[in-house]
Amino acid sequence: MSEEETDPEGDPPKKSKMPMIIGLVLALAGGGGGFYATWSGMILGGDHTAEAEEEHEETIDPFADIAFVEVDPMIISVKAQPNQRLLRFRAQLEVPKSHAEDVTKLLPRVVDVLNSYLRALELADLEDHAALTRLRAQMLRRVQVVTGKDRVNDFLIMEFVLT
């Protein structure tokens, strides 16, 4: 009978899970508070006055310093086996106003570079669906090399017709 009875002093008492729950709640609250503090800029937020000044400058007029220089229209023969095909091409250069006169002076060189590049293309190069984007990037790069650093911001194709 003594073996069948369990000794109440032999069972270890159950440990409370309350400290673990409290620790978990405090960890989540601390993590959330830390995230909010960095996200809102209270910690590591930088200088808010500089950001406000930059936003103010952007709202003035970001397009005030832009001028467009028109490239003379071109008609270029394209290498096509059975027939002679023509490419009618017209473009404009987006430049800062301070460099518009310089780029206008260099326009004959720009036309020469564009004419040389477009004459070297084959019909397959022009018929690809992504051709215009690729050609635009290539022509912009060539124009920037001819005109100099930071003188041409963008190359705008106004007309690109293959007849």
N, C-alpha and C. Protein backbone atom coordinates (compact mmCIF):
# COMPACT_ATOMS: atom_id res chain seq x y z
N MET A 1 0.80 -1.16 0.00
CA MET A 1 0.00 0.00 0.00
C MET A 1 0.87 1.26 0.00
N SER A 2 1.97 1.20 0.57
CA SER A 2 2.83 2.35 0.61
C SER A 2 3.41 2.66 -0.76
N GLU A 3 3.56 1.64 -1.60
CA GLU A 3 4.09 1.88 -2.94
C GLU A 3 3.05 2.48 -3.86
N GLU A 4 1.80 2.12 -3.64
CA GLU A 4 0.76 2.63 -4.50
C GLU A 4 0.44 4.09 -4.23
N GLU A 5 0.66 4.51 -3.09
CA GLU A 5 0.39 5.90 -2.76
C GLU A 5 1.52 6.77 -3.30
N THR A 6 1.16 7.88 -3.84
CA THR A 6 2.18 8.80 -4.33
C THR A 6 2.48 9.81 -3.26
N ASP A 7 3.67 10.15 -3.23
CA ASP A 7 4.10 11.09 -2.20
C ASP A 7 3.87 12.50 -2.73
N PRO A 8 3.03 13.30 -2.07
CA PRO A 8 2.77 14.65 -2.55
C PRO A 8 4.02 15.51 -2.54
N GLU A 9 4.99 15.19 -1.76
CA GLU A 9 6.20 15.99 -1.72
C GLU A 9 7.15 15.63 -2.88
N GLY A 10 6.95 14.51 -3.54
CA GLY A 10 7.81 14.05 -4.61
C GLY A 10 7.54 14.75 -5.94
N ASP A 11 6.36 15.23 -6.18
CA ASP A 11 6.05 15.91 -7.43
C ASP A 11 6.61 17.34 -7.39
N PRO A 12 7.33 17.71 -8.42
CA PRO A 12 7.82 19.08 -8.41
C PRO A 12 6.67 20.04 -8.69
N PRO A 13 6.65 21.17 -8.11
CA PRO A 13 5.57 22.12 -8.35
C PRO A 13 5.68 22.68 -9.78
N LYS A 14 4.55 22.97 -10.42
CA LYS A 14 4.54 23.52 -11.78
C LYS A 14 5.06 24.95 -11.75
N LYS A 15 5.93 25.24 -12.74
CA LYS A 15 6.49 26.58 -12.81
C LYS A 15 5.48 27.50 -13.49
N SER A 16 5.48 28.72 -13.08
CA SER A 16 4.57 29.69 -13.64
C SER A 16 5.08 30.18 -15.00
N LYS A 17 4.20 30.37 -15.96
CA LYS A 17 4.57 30.87 -17.29
C LYS A 17 4.38 32.38 -17.38
N MET A 18 4.03 32.99 -16.33
CA MET A 18 3.77 34.42 -16.31
C MET A 18 5.02 35.24 -16.65
N PRO A 19 6.23 34.93 -16.15
CA PRO A 19 7.41 35.73 -16.53
C PRO A 19 7.70 35.66 -18.03
N MET A 20 7.49 34.49 -18.64
CA MET A 20 7.74 34.37 -20.06
C MET A 20 6.73 35.19 -20.87
N ILE A 21 5.49 35.19 -20.48
CA ILE A 21 4.46 35.97 -21.17
C ILE A 21 4.74 37.46 -21.03
N ILE A 22 5.11 37.89 -19.85
CA ILE A 22 5.42 39.30 -19.62
C ILE A 22 6.64 39.71 -20.45
N GLY A 23 7.65 38.86 -20.51
CA GLY A 23 8.85 39.15 -21.32
C GLY A 23 8.52 39.26 -22.79
N LEU A 24 7.66 38.38 -23.29
CA LEU A 24 7.27 38.41 -24.69
C LEU A 24 6.50 39.69 -25.02
N VAL A 25 5.57 40.08 -24.15
CA VAL A 25 4.79 41.30 -24.36
C VAL A 25 5.71 42.53 -24.34
N LEU A 26 6.65 42.57 -23.40
CA LEU A 26 7.57 43.70 -23.33
C LEU A 26 8.50 43.75 -24.55
N ALA A 27 8.93 42.59 -25.06
CA ALA A 27 9.79 42.55 -26.25
C ALA A 27 9.04 43.08 -27.47
N LEU A 28 7.78 42.66 -27.64
CA LEU A 28 6.98 43.14 -28.76
C LEU A 28 6.73 44.65 -28.65
N ALA A 29 6.42 45.11 -27.46
CA ALA A 29 6.18 46.54 -27.27
C ALA A 29 7.46 47.35 -27.54
N GLY A 30 8.59 46.86 -27.08
CA GLY A 30 9.86 47.55 -27.32
C GLY A 30 10.21 47.57 -28.81
N GLY A 31 10.01 46.45 -29.48
CA GLY A 31 10.29 46.39 -30.91
C GLY A 31 9.38 47.33 -31.70
N GLY A 32 8.11 47.36 -31.35
CA GLY A 32 7.17 48.26 -32.03
C GLY A 32 7.51 49.72 -31.78
N GLY A 33 7.88 50.02 -30.54
CA GLY A 33 8.26 51.40 -30.21
C GLY A 33 9.53 51.82 -30.94
N GLY A 34 10.50 50.92 -31.03
CA GLY A 34 11.74 51.21 -31.75
C GLY A 34 11.48 51.44 -33.23
N PHE A 35 10.63 50.60 -33.81
CA PHE A 35 10.29 50.77 -35.22
C PHE A 35 9.63 52.12 -35.46
N TYR A 36 8.68 52.48 -34.61
CA TYR A 36 7.98 53.76 -34.78
C TYR A 36 8.94 54.93 -34.61
N ALA A 37 9.86 54.83 -33.66
CA ALA A 37 10.79 55.92 -33.41
C ALA A 37 11.70 56.16 -34.61
N THR A 38 12.19 55.10 -35.24
CA THR A 38 13.05 55.28 -36.41
C THR A 38 12.24 55.66 -37.64
N TRP A 39 11.05 55.11 -37.80
CA TRP A 39 10.21 55.42 -38.96
C TRP A 39 9.74 56.86 -38.94
N SER A 40 9.40 57.37 -37.77
CA SER A 40 8.90 58.74 -37.68
C SER A 40 10.02 59.77 -37.68
N GLY A 41 11.26 59.33 -37.48
CA GLY A 41 12.38 60.25 -37.53
C GLY A 41 12.84 60.74 -36.17
N MET A 42 12.28 60.21 -35.10
CA MET A 42 12.74 60.62 -33.77
C MET A 42 14.18 60.17 -33.53
N ILE A 43 14.53 59.00 -34.05
CA ILE A 43 15.88 58.46 -33.92
C ILE A 43 16.44 58.30 -35.32
N LEU A 44 17.67 58.76 -35.52
CA LEU A 44 18.35 58.64 -36.82
C LEU A 44 17.55 59.28 -37.94
N GLY A 45 16.81 60.33 -37.62
CA GLY A 45 15.94 60.94 -38.61
C GLY A 45 16.62 61.96 -39.49
N GLY A 46 17.77 62.45 -39.13
CA GLY A 46 18.43 63.45 -39.94
C GLY A 46 17.87 64.84 -39.66
N ASP A 47 18.20 65.77 -40.53
CA ASP A 47 17.80 67.15 -40.37
C ASP A 47 16.51 67.40 -41.14
N HIS A 48 15.44 67.66 -40.41
CA HIS A 48 14.14 67.88 -41.05
C HIS A 48 14.08 69.22 -41.77
N THR A 49 14.85 70.20 -41.33
CA THR A 49 14.80 71.51 -41.98
C THR A 49 15.41 71.44 -43.38
N ALA A 50 16.44 70.62 -43.56
CA ALA A 50 17.04 70.48 -44.89
C ALA A 50 16.06 69.81 -45.84
N GLU A 51 15.33 68.80 -45.36
CA GLU A 51 14.34 68.14 -46.20
C GLU A 51 13.22 69.10 -46.59
N ALA A 52 12.80 69.94 -45.66
CA ALA A 52 11.74 70.89 -45.95
C ALA A 52 12.21 71.92 -46.99
N GLU A 53 13.48 72.34 -46.90
CA GLU A 53 14.01 73.28 -47.88
C GLU A 53 14.10 72.65 -49.26
N GLU A 54 14.52 71.37 -49.33
CA GLU A 54 14.59 70.67 -50.61
C GLU A 54 13.21 70.54 -51.24
N GLU A 55 12.21 70.23 -50.44
CA GLU A 55 10.85 70.12 -50.95
C GLU A 55 10.37 71.47 -51.47
N HIS A 56 10.73 72.54 -50.78
CA HIS A 56 10.33 73.88 -51.19
C HIS A 56 10.99 74.25 -52.52
N GLU A 57 12.27 73.90 -52.68
CA GLU A 57 12.97 74.20 -53.93
C GLU A 57 12.35 73.45 -55.09
N GLU A 58 11.93 72.20 -54.87
CA GLU A 58 11.34 71.41 -55.93
C GLU A 58 9.99 71.96 -56.38
N THR A 59 9.28 72.59 -55.48
CA THR A 59 7.96 73.09 -55.84
C THR A 59 8.03 74.42 -56.59
N ILE A 60 9.17 75.05 -56.63
CA ILE A 60 9.28 76.34 -57.31
C ILE A 60 8.97 76.15 -58.79
N ASP A 61 9.84 75.54 -59.55
CA ASP A 61 9.58 75.19 -60.95
C ASP A 61 10.74 74.34 -61.46
N PRO A 62 10.57 73.03 -61.48
CA PRO A 62 11.67 72.18 -61.90
C PRO A 62 11.97 72.27 -63.39
N PHE A 63 11.06 72.86 -64.18
CA PHE A 63 11.26 72.95 -65.62
C PHE A 63 11.71 74.34 -66.07
N ALA A 64 12.09 75.19 -65.14
CA ALA A 64 12.49 76.55 -65.49
C ALA A 64 13.83 76.58 -66.22
N ASP A 65 14.68 75.60 -66.00
CA ASP A 65 16.02 75.61 -66.56
C ASP A 65 16.15 74.71 -67.79
N ILE A 66 15.06 74.44 -68.48
CA ILE A 66 15.10 73.52 -69.62
C ILE A 66 14.83 74.28 -70.92
N ALA A 67 15.62 73.94 -71.92
CA ALA A 67 15.40 74.45 -73.27
C ALA A 67 15.46 73.28 -74.23
N PHE A 68 14.83 73.44 -75.38
CA PHE A 68 14.82 72.39 -76.39
C PHE A 68 15.49 72.91 -77.65
N VAL A 69 16.41 72.13 -78.16
CA VAL A 69 17.10 72.47 -79.40
C VAL A 69 16.65 71.47 -80.45
N GLU A 70 16.10 71.98 -81.54
CA GLU A 70 15.57 71.11 -82.58
C GLU A 70 16.69 70.68 -83.53
N VAL A 71 16.70 69.37 -83.80
CA VAL A 71 17.63 68.81 -84.78
C VAL A 71 16.94 68.86 -86.13
N ASP A 72 17.67 69.23 -87.16
CA ASP A 72 17.09 69.32 -88.50
C ASP A 72 16.50 67.97 -88.91
N PRO A 73 15.35 67.98 -89.56
CA PRO A 73 14.75 66.71 -90.01
C PRO A 73 15.68 66.01 -91.01
N MET A 74 15.67 64.68 -90.95
CA MET A 74 16.53 63.88 -91.83
C MET A 74 15.70 62.84 -92.56
N ILE A 75 16.13 62.53 -93.78
CA ILE A 75 15.58 61.39 -94.52
C ILE A 75 16.77 60.50 -94.85
N ILE A 76 16.74 59.28 -94.36
CA ILE A 76 17.87 58.38 -94.45
C ILE A 76 17.46 57.12 -95.21
N SER A 77 18.29 56.68 -96.13
CA SER A 77 18.01 55.43 -96.83
C SER A 77 18.44 54.26 -95.95
N VAL A 78 17.59 53.25 -95.91
CA VAL A 78 17.83 52.08 -95.07
C VAL A 78 18.18 50.91 -95.97
N LYS A 79 19.13 50.11 -95.53
CA LYS A 79 19.54 48.94 -96.30
C LYS A 79 18.42 47.91 -96.31
N ALA A 80 17.77 47.76 -97.41
CA ALA A 80 16.72 46.75 -97.58
C ALA A 80 16.99 46.03 -98.89
N GLN A 81 16.96 44.72 -98.87
CA GLN A 81 17.34 43.93 -100.05
C GLN A 81 16.44 44.17 -101.27
N PRO A 82 15.14 43.90 -101.20
CA PRO A 82 14.37 44.01 -102.44
C PRO A 82 14.09 45.46 -102.84
N ASN A 83 13.78 46.31 -101.90
CA ASN A 83 13.40 47.70 -102.21
C ASN A 83 14.27 48.66 -101.41
N GLN A 84 14.30 49.86 -101.88
CA GLN A 84 14.95 50.92 -101.12
C GLN A 84 13.92 51.53 -100.17
N ARG A 85 14.21 51.51 -98.87
CA ARG A 85 13.30 52.08 -97.88
C ARG A 85 13.90 53.35 -97.32
N LEU A 86 13.03 54.26 -96.89
CA LEU A 86 13.48 55.54 -96.35
C LEU A 86 12.98 55.69 -94.91
N LEU A 87 13.82 56.29 -94.11
CA LEU A 87 13.47 56.60 -92.72
C LEU A 87 13.39 58.11 -92.60
N ARG A 88 12.21 58.59 -92.22
CA ARG A 88 12.01 60.02 -91.97
C ARG A 88 12.17 60.22 -90.47
N PHE A 89 13.11 61.09 -90.09
CA PHE A 89 13.49 61.22 -88.69
C PHE A 89 13.57 62.68 -88.29
N ARG A 90 13.01 62.98 -87.11
CA ARG A 90 13.06 64.33 -86.55
C ARG A 90 13.21 64.19 -85.04
N ALA A 91 14.05 65.04 -84.42
CA ALA A 91 14.30 64.93 -82.98
C ALA A 91 14.56 66.30 -82.37
N GLN A 92 14.51 66.33 -81.04
CA GLN A 92 14.87 67.52 -80.28
C GLN A 92 15.75 67.10 -79.11
N LEU A 93 16.61 68.01 -78.69
CA LEU A 93 17.51 67.76 -77.58
C LEU A 93 17.06 68.60 -76.38
N GLU A 94 16.93 67.96 -75.24
CA GLU A 94 16.60 68.68 -74.01
C GLU A 94 17.92 69.08 -73.35
N VAL A 95 18.12 70.39 -73.19
CA VAL A 95 19.37 70.91 -72.65
C VAL A 95 19.09 71.92 -71.55
N PRO A 96 20.03 72.14 -70.64
CA PRO A 96 19.88 73.26 -69.71
C PRO A 96 19.96 74.57 -70.48
N LYS A 97 19.22 75.56 -70.03
CA LYS A 97 19.20 76.85 -70.75
C LYS A 97 20.58 77.47 -70.88
N SER A 98 21.42 77.24 -69.90
CA SER A 98 22.76 77.82 -69.95
C SER A 98 23.62 77.21 -71.06
N HIS A 99 23.29 76.01 -71.53
CA HIS A 99 24.07 75.36 -72.58
C HIS A 99 23.36 75.32 -73.93
N ALA A 100 22.22 75.94 -74.05
CA ALA A 100 21.45 75.88 -75.29
C ALA A 100 22.22 76.48 -76.46
N GLU A 101 22.89 77.59 -76.25
CA GLU A 101 23.64 78.23 -77.33
C GLU A 101 24.83 77.37 -77.76
N ASP A 102 25.52 76.76 -76.79
CA ASP A 102 26.65 75.90 -77.11
C ASP A 102 26.22 74.68 -77.92
N VAL A 103 25.11 74.08 -77.53
CA VAL A 103 24.62 72.90 -78.24
C VAL A 103 24.15 73.29 -79.65
N THR A 104 23.55 74.45 -79.78
CA THR A 104 23.12 74.92 -81.11
C THR A 104 24.32 75.11 -82.03
N LYS A 105 25.43 75.60 -81.49
CA LYS A 105 26.65 75.75 -82.30
C LYS A 105 27.19 74.40 -82.76
N LEU A 106 27.00 73.37 -81.95
CA LEU A 106 27.51 72.04 -82.27
C LEU A 106 26.52 71.19 -83.05
N LEU A 107 25.41 71.77 -83.46
CA LEU A 107 24.37 71.02 -84.14
C LEU A 107 24.83 70.33 -85.43
N PRO A 108 25.70 70.92 -86.24
CA PRO A 108 26.19 70.18 -87.42
C PRO A 108 26.91 68.87 -87.06
N ARG A 109 27.68 68.89 -85.98
CA ARG A 109 28.34 67.66 -85.53
C ARG A 109 27.32 66.63 -85.05
N VAL A 110 26.28 67.10 -84.35
CA VAL A 110 25.22 66.20 -83.86
C VAL A 110 24.52 65.55 -85.04
N VAL A 111 24.18 66.34 -86.05
CA VAL A 111 23.50 65.79 -87.23
C VAL A 111 24.40 64.78 -87.93
N ASP A 112 25.69 65.07 -88.02
CA ASP A 112 26.62 64.14 -88.65
C ASP A 112 26.68 62.81 -87.90
N VAL A 113 26.76 62.87 -86.59
CA VAL A 113 26.83 61.64 -85.79
C VAL A 113 25.54 60.83 -85.94
N LEU A 114 24.40 61.51 -85.88
CA LEU A 114 23.11 60.82 -86.01
C LEU A 114 22.95 60.22 -87.40
N ASN A 115 23.34 60.97 -88.42
CA ASN A 115 23.23 60.50 -89.78
C ASN A 115 24.11 59.26 -89.99
N SER A 116 25.33 59.30 -89.49
CA SER A 116 26.23 58.15 -89.61
C SER A 116 25.67 56.92 -88.90
N TYR A 117 25.14 57.13 -87.70
CA TYR A 117 24.60 56.00 -86.94
C TYR A 117 23.37 55.41 -87.62
N LEU A 118 22.45 56.26 -88.05
CA LEU A 118 21.21 55.76 -88.66
C LEU A 118 21.46 55.09 -90.01
N ARG A 119 22.45 55.55 -90.75
CA ARG A 119 22.77 54.92 -92.04
C ARG A 119 23.37 53.52 -91.85
N ALA A 120 23.99 53.29 -90.72
CA ALA A 120 24.61 51.98 -90.46
C ALA A 120 23.58 50.93 -90.04
N LEU A 121 22.37 51.36 -89.71
CA LEU A 121 21.35 50.41 -89.27
C LEU A 121 20.79 49.62 -90.43
N GLU A 122 20.33 48.43 -90.12
CA GLU A 122 19.67 47.59 -91.11
C GLU A 122 18.18 47.56 -90.82
N LEU A 123 17.42 47.06 -91.75
CA LEU A 123 15.97 47.03 -91.62
C LEU A 123 15.52 46.22 -90.40
N ALA A 124 16.21 45.13 -90.12
CA ALA A 124 15.86 44.29 -88.96
C ALA A 124 16.03 45.05 -87.65
N ASP A 125 17.01 45.96 -87.60
CA ASP A 125 17.23 46.76 -86.40
C ASP A 125 16.06 47.70 -86.13
N LEU A 126 15.40 48.15 -87.17
CA LEU A 126 14.31 49.11 -87.04
C LEU A 126 12.95 48.45 -86.81
N GLU A 127 12.80 47.21 -87.22
CA GLU A 127 11.50 46.56 -87.13
C GLU A 127 11.25 45.88 -85.78
N ASP A 128 12.24 45.76 -84.96
CA ASP A 128 12.08 45.17 -83.63
C ASP A 128 11.18 46.05 -82.78
N HIS A 129 10.33 45.43 -81.94
CA HIS A 129 9.38 46.21 -81.13
C HIS A 129 10.06 47.08 -80.08
N ALA A 130 11.25 46.73 -79.66
CA ALA A 130 11.98 47.53 -78.68
C ALA A 130 13.05 48.40 -79.33
N ALA A 131 12.99 48.51 -80.65
CA ALA A 131 14.03 49.22 -81.39
C ALA A 131 14.09 50.70 -81.03
N LEU A 132 12.97 51.33 -80.92
CA LEU A 132 12.96 52.78 -80.70
C LEU A 132 13.62 53.14 -79.37
N THR A 133 13.36 52.37 -78.34
CA THR A 133 13.98 52.64 -77.04
C THR A 133 15.49 52.44 -77.10
N ARG A 134 15.91 51.36 -77.73
CA ARG A 134 17.34 51.07 -77.85
C ARG A 134 18.03 52.13 -78.72
N LEU A 135 17.41 52.48 -79.84
CA LEU A 135 18.00 53.48 -80.73
C LEU A 135 18.10 54.85 -80.05
N ARG A 136 17.07 55.19 -79.30
CA ARG A 136 17.05 56.47 -78.58
C ARG A 136 18.20 56.55 -77.59
N ALA A 137 18.43 55.46 -76.85
CA ALA A 137 19.53 55.43 -75.89
C ALA A 137 20.88 55.54 -76.59
N GLN A 138 21.04 54.84 -77.70
CA GLN A 138 22.29 54.89 -78.46
C GLN A 138 22.55 56.30 -79.01
N MET A 139 21.51 56.91 -79.54
CA MET A 139 21.67 58.25 -80.10
C MET A 139 21.95 59.28 -79.01
N LEU A 140 21.29 59.16 -77.87
CA LEU A 140 21.56 60.08 -76.75
C LEU A 140 23.01 59.98 -76.32
N ARG A 141 23.52 58.77 -76.22
CA ARG A 141 24.91 58.59 -75.80
C ARG A 141 25.86 59.23 -76.80
N ARG A 142 25.61 59.05 -78.07
CA ARG A 142 26.47 59.63 -79.10
C ARG A 142 26.41 61.16 -79.09
N VAL A 143 25.24 61.71 -78.88
CA VAL A 143 25.08 63.17 -78.82
C VAL A 143 25.80 63.72 -77.58
N GLN A 144 25.72 63.02 -76.47
CA GLN A 144 26.40 63.48 -75.26
C GLN A 144 27.91 63.45 -75.42
N VAL A 145 28.42 62.49 -76.17
CA VAL A 145 29.86 62.45 -76.42
C VAL A 145 30.28 63.63 -77.29
N VAL A 146 29.49 63.97 -78.28
CA VAL A 146 29.82 65.08 -79.19
C VAL A 146 29.71 66.43 -78.49
N THR A 147 28.66 66.64 -77.71
CA THR A 147 28.42 67.96 -77.12
C THR A 147 29.20 68.20 -75.84
N GLY A 148 29.57 67.19 -75.14
CA GLY A 148 30.30 67.35 -73.89
C GLY A 148 29.47 66.95 -72.69
N LYS A 149 30.14 66.88 -71.56
CA LYS A 149 29.50 66.40 -70.33
C LYS A 149 28.43 67.36 -69.83
N ASP A 150 27.29 66.83 -69.46
CA ASP A 150 26.17 67.56 -68.83
C ASP A 150 25.59 68.67 -69.71
N ARG A 151 25.71 68.58 -71.01
CA ARG A 151 25.12 69.59 -71.88
C ARG A 151 23.79 69.15 -72.46
N VAL A 152 23.57 67.84 -72.61
CA VAL A 152 22.32 67.32 -73.14
C VAL A 152 21.72 66.38 -72.10
N ASN A 153 20.50 66.70 -71.66
CA ASN A 153 19.82 65.88 -70.65
C ASN A 153 19.08 64.70 -71.27
N ASP A 154 18.43 64.93 -72.41
CA ASP A 154 17.59 63.89 -72.98
C ASP A 154 17.50 64.07 -74.49
N PHE A 155 17.15 62.98 -75.15
CA PHE A 155 17.00 62.95 -76.60
C PHE A 155 15.56 62.58 -76.90
N LEU A 156 14.83 63.48 -77.53
CA LEU A 156 13.40 63.27 -77.79
C LEU A 156 13.18 63.01 -79.26
N ILE A 157 12.61 61.86 -79.58
CA ILE A 157 12.31 61.53 -80.97
C ILE A 157 10.91 62.05 -81.28
N MET A 158 10.83 62.96 -82.22
CA MET A 158 9.58 63.58 -82.57
C MET A 158 8.89 62.86 -83.73
N GLU A 159 9.69 62.32 -84.65
CA GLU A 159 9.15 61.62 -85.81
C GLU A 159 10.10 60.51 -86.19
N PHE A 160 9.54 59.32 -86.40
CA PHE A 160 10.34 58.15 -86.76
C PHE A 160 9.46 57.29 -87.66
N VAL A 161 9.51 57.55 -88.97
CA VAL A 161 8.62 56.90 -89.91
C VAL A 161 9.45 56.17 -90.95
N LEU A 162 9.19 54.88 -91.10
CA LEU A 162 9.85 54.07 -92.10
C LEU A 162 8.90 53.88 -93.28
N THR A 163 9.29 54.38 -94.46
CA THR A 163 8.43 54.26 -95.64
C THR A 163 9.07 53.41 -96.70
